[in-house]
Amino acid sequence: MRQLTIRKVPVKIGKRLDRVSRETGKSINTLVLELLQKEFGPPPGDWLLKYVTWSEDEAKAFDELVRTQRTIDEDLWR
């Protein structure tokens, strides 16, 4: 990952970031990353793993569907 330093942030924007950080319980770094991702899209690479998740029930249902597709039909192989 690349590290950035942002200088000369206007006071009003800095105060707003502080306020939103307190209200949401998120760090300023997290807020800025979210804003950048919203503007420029998700990062390349494994971004999908970070943003797309299944609940435990959804994962079990998927596994069950895949398991049924892996059943060998013996009559087709004779």
C-alpha atoms as a PDB file:
ATOM      1  CA  MET A   1       0.000   0.000   0.000  1.00  0.00           C
ATOM      2  CA  ARG A   2       1.077   3.537  -0.626  1.00  0.00           C
ATOM      3  CA  GLN A   3       1.367   6.052   2.209  1.00  0.00           C
ATOM      4  CA  LEU A   4       0.200   9.635   1.665  1.00  0.00           C
ATOM      5  CA  THR A   5       0.538  12.816   3.656  1.00  0.00           C
ATOM      6  CA  ILE A   6      -1.957  15.573   2.994  1.00  0.00           C
ATOM      7  CA  ARG A   7      -0.898  19.120   3.797  1.00  0.00           C
ATOM      8  CA  LYS A   8      -2.750  22.429   3.937  1.00  0.00           C
ATOM      9  CA  VAL A   9      -6.154  20.935   4.774  1.00  0.00           C
ATOM     10  CA  PRO A  10      -8.541  23.864   5.243  1.00  0.00           C
ATOM     11  CA  VAL A  11      -9.574  24.392   8.872  1.00  0.00           C
ATOM     12  CA  LYS A  12     -13.292  23.887   8.123  1.00  0.00           C
ATOM     13  CA  ILE A  13     -12.615  20.532   6.462  1.00  0.00           C
ATOM     14  CA  GLY A  14     -10.333  19.444   9.309  1.00  0.00           C
ATOM     15  CA  LYS A  15     -12.988  20.322  11.885  1.00  0.00           C
ATOM     16  CA  ARG A  16     -15.643  18.508   9.908  1.00  0.00           C
ATOM     17  CA  LEU A  17     -13.437  15.417   9.695  1.00  0.00           C
ATOM     18  CA  ASP A  18     -12.889  15.605  13.468  1.00  0.00           C
ATOM     19  CA  ARG A  19     -16.628  15.869  14.089  1.00  0.00           C
ATOM     20  CA  VAL A  20     -17.578  13.003  11.766  1.00  0.00           C
ATOM     21  CA  SER A  21     -14.774  10.907  13.250  1.00  0.00           C
ATOM     22  CA  ARG A  22     -16.173  11.392  16.751  1.00  0.00           C
ATOM     23  CA  GLU A  23     -19.777  10.811  15.657  1.00  0.00           C
ATOM     24  CA  THR A  24     -19.052   7.613  13.737  1.00  0.00           C
ATOM     25  CA  GLY A  25     -16.270   6.236  15.909  1.00  0.00           C
ATOM     26  CA  LYS A  26     -14.068   5.966  12.817  1.00  0.00           C
ATOM     27  CA  SER A  27     -10.555   7.284  12.488  1.00  0.00           C
ATOM     28  CA  ILE A  28      -9.894  10.200  10.176  1.00  0.00           C
ATOM     29  CA  ASN A  29      -7.729   7.863   8.104  1.00  0.00           C
ATOM     30  CA  THR A  30     -10.675   5.477   7.652  1.00  0.00           C
ATOM     31  CA  LEU A  31     -13.004   8.336   6.729  1.00  0.00           C
ATOM     32  CA  VAL A  32     -10.593   9.677   4.109  1.00  0.00           C
ATOM     33  CA  LEU A  33     -10.039   6.190   2.657  1.00  0.00           C
ATOM     34  CA  GLU A  34     -13.814   5.690   2.414  1.00  0.00           C
ATOM     35  CA  LEU A  35     -14.190   9.034   0.624  1.00  0.00           C
ATOM     36  CA  LEU A  36     -11.384   8.196  -1.797  1.00  0.00           C
ATOM     37  CA  GLN A  37     -12.832   4.762  -2.506  1.00  0.00           C
ATOM     38  CA  LYS A  38     -16.269   6.276  -3.064  1.00  0.00           C
ATOM     39  CA  GLU A  39     -14.822   8.784  -5.538  1.00  0.00           C
ATOM     40  CA  PHE A  40     -12.294   6.580  -7.321  1.00  0.00           C
ATOM     41  CA  GLY A  41     -13.709   3.100  -6.833  1.00  0.00           C
ATOM     42  CA  PRO A  42     -12.447   0.126  -4.891  1.00  0.00           C
ATOM     43  CA  PRO A  43      -8.761  -0.684  -4.876  1.00  0.00           C
ATOM     44  CA  PRO A  44      -7.547  -3.250  -7.406  1.00  0.00           C
ATOM     45  CA  GLY A  45      -6.628  -6.776  -6.420  1.00  0.00           C
ATOM     46  CA  ASP A  46      -8.386  -8.488  -3.562  1.00  0.00           C
ATOM     47  CA  TRP A  47     -10.891  -5.682  -2.946  1.00  0.00           C
ATOM     48  CA  LEU A  48     -13.774  -8.065  -3.533  1.00  0.00           C
ATOM     49  CA  LEU A  49     -12.787 -10.166  -0.528  1.00  0.00           C
ATOM     50  CA  LYS A  50     -12.891  -7.076   1.640  1.00  0.00           C
ATOM     51  CA  TYR A  51     -16.244  -5.745   0.446  1.00  0.00           C
ATOM     52  CA  VAL A  52     -18.304  -8.821  -0.359  1.00  0.00           C
ATOM     53  CA  THR A  53     -19.086 -11.219   2.429  1.00  0.00           C
ATOM     54  CA  TRP A  54     -21.748 -13.805   3.097  1.00  0.00           C
ATOM     55  CA  SER A  55     -23.493 -14.522   6.319  1.00  0.00           C
ATOM     56  CA  GLU A  56     -22.853 -17.931   7.849  1.00  0.00           C
ATOM     57  CA  ASP A  57     -26.275 -19.139   6.647  1.00  0.00           C
ATOM     58  CA  GLU A  58     -25.606 -17.901   3.091  1.00  0.00           C
ATOM     59  CA  ALA A  59     -22.224 -19.632   3.028  1.00  0.00           C
ATOM     60  CA  LYS A  60     -23.777 -22.912   4.247  1.00  0.00           C
ATOM     61  CA  ALA A  61     -26.537 -22.683   1.609  1.00  0.00           C
ATOM     62  CA  PHE A  62     -23.938 -22.086  -1.103  1.00  0.00           C
ATOM     63  CA  ASP A  63     -21.824 -25.009   0.081  1.00  0.00           C
ATOM     64  CA  GLU A  64     -24.878 -27.259   0.018  1.00  0.00           C
ATOM     65  CA  LEU A  65     -25.738 -26.240  -3.549  1.00  0.00           C
ATOM     66  CA  VAL A  66     -22.184 -26.890  -4.680  1.00  0.00           C
ATOM     67  CA  ARG A  67     -22.167 -30.249  -2.899  1.00  0.00           C
ATOM     68  CA  THR A  68     -25.295 -31.358  -4.820  1.00  0.00           C
ATOM     69  CA  GLN A  69     -23.624 -30.445  -8.111  1.00  0.00           C
ATOM     70  CA  ARG A  70     -20.640 -32.637  -7.279  1.00  0.00           C
ATOM     71  CA  THR A  71     -22.748 -35.788  -7.024  1.00  0.00           C
ATOM     72  CA  ILE A  72     -21.668 -38.297  -9.651  1.00  0.00           C
ATOM     73  CA  ASP A  73     -24.447 -39.859 -11.687  1.00  0.00           C
ATOM     74  CA  GLU A  74     -23.097 -43.383 -12.129  1.00  0.00           C
ATOM     75  CA  ASP A  75     -25.464 -44.105 -15.052  1.00  0.00           C
ATOM     76  CA  LEU A  76     -23.786 -41.391 -17.124  1.00  0.00           C
ATOM     77  CA  TRP A  77     -20.393 -43.091 -16.705  1.00  0.00           C
ATOM     78  CA  ARG A  78     -21.336 -46.627 -17.825  1.00  0.00           C
END
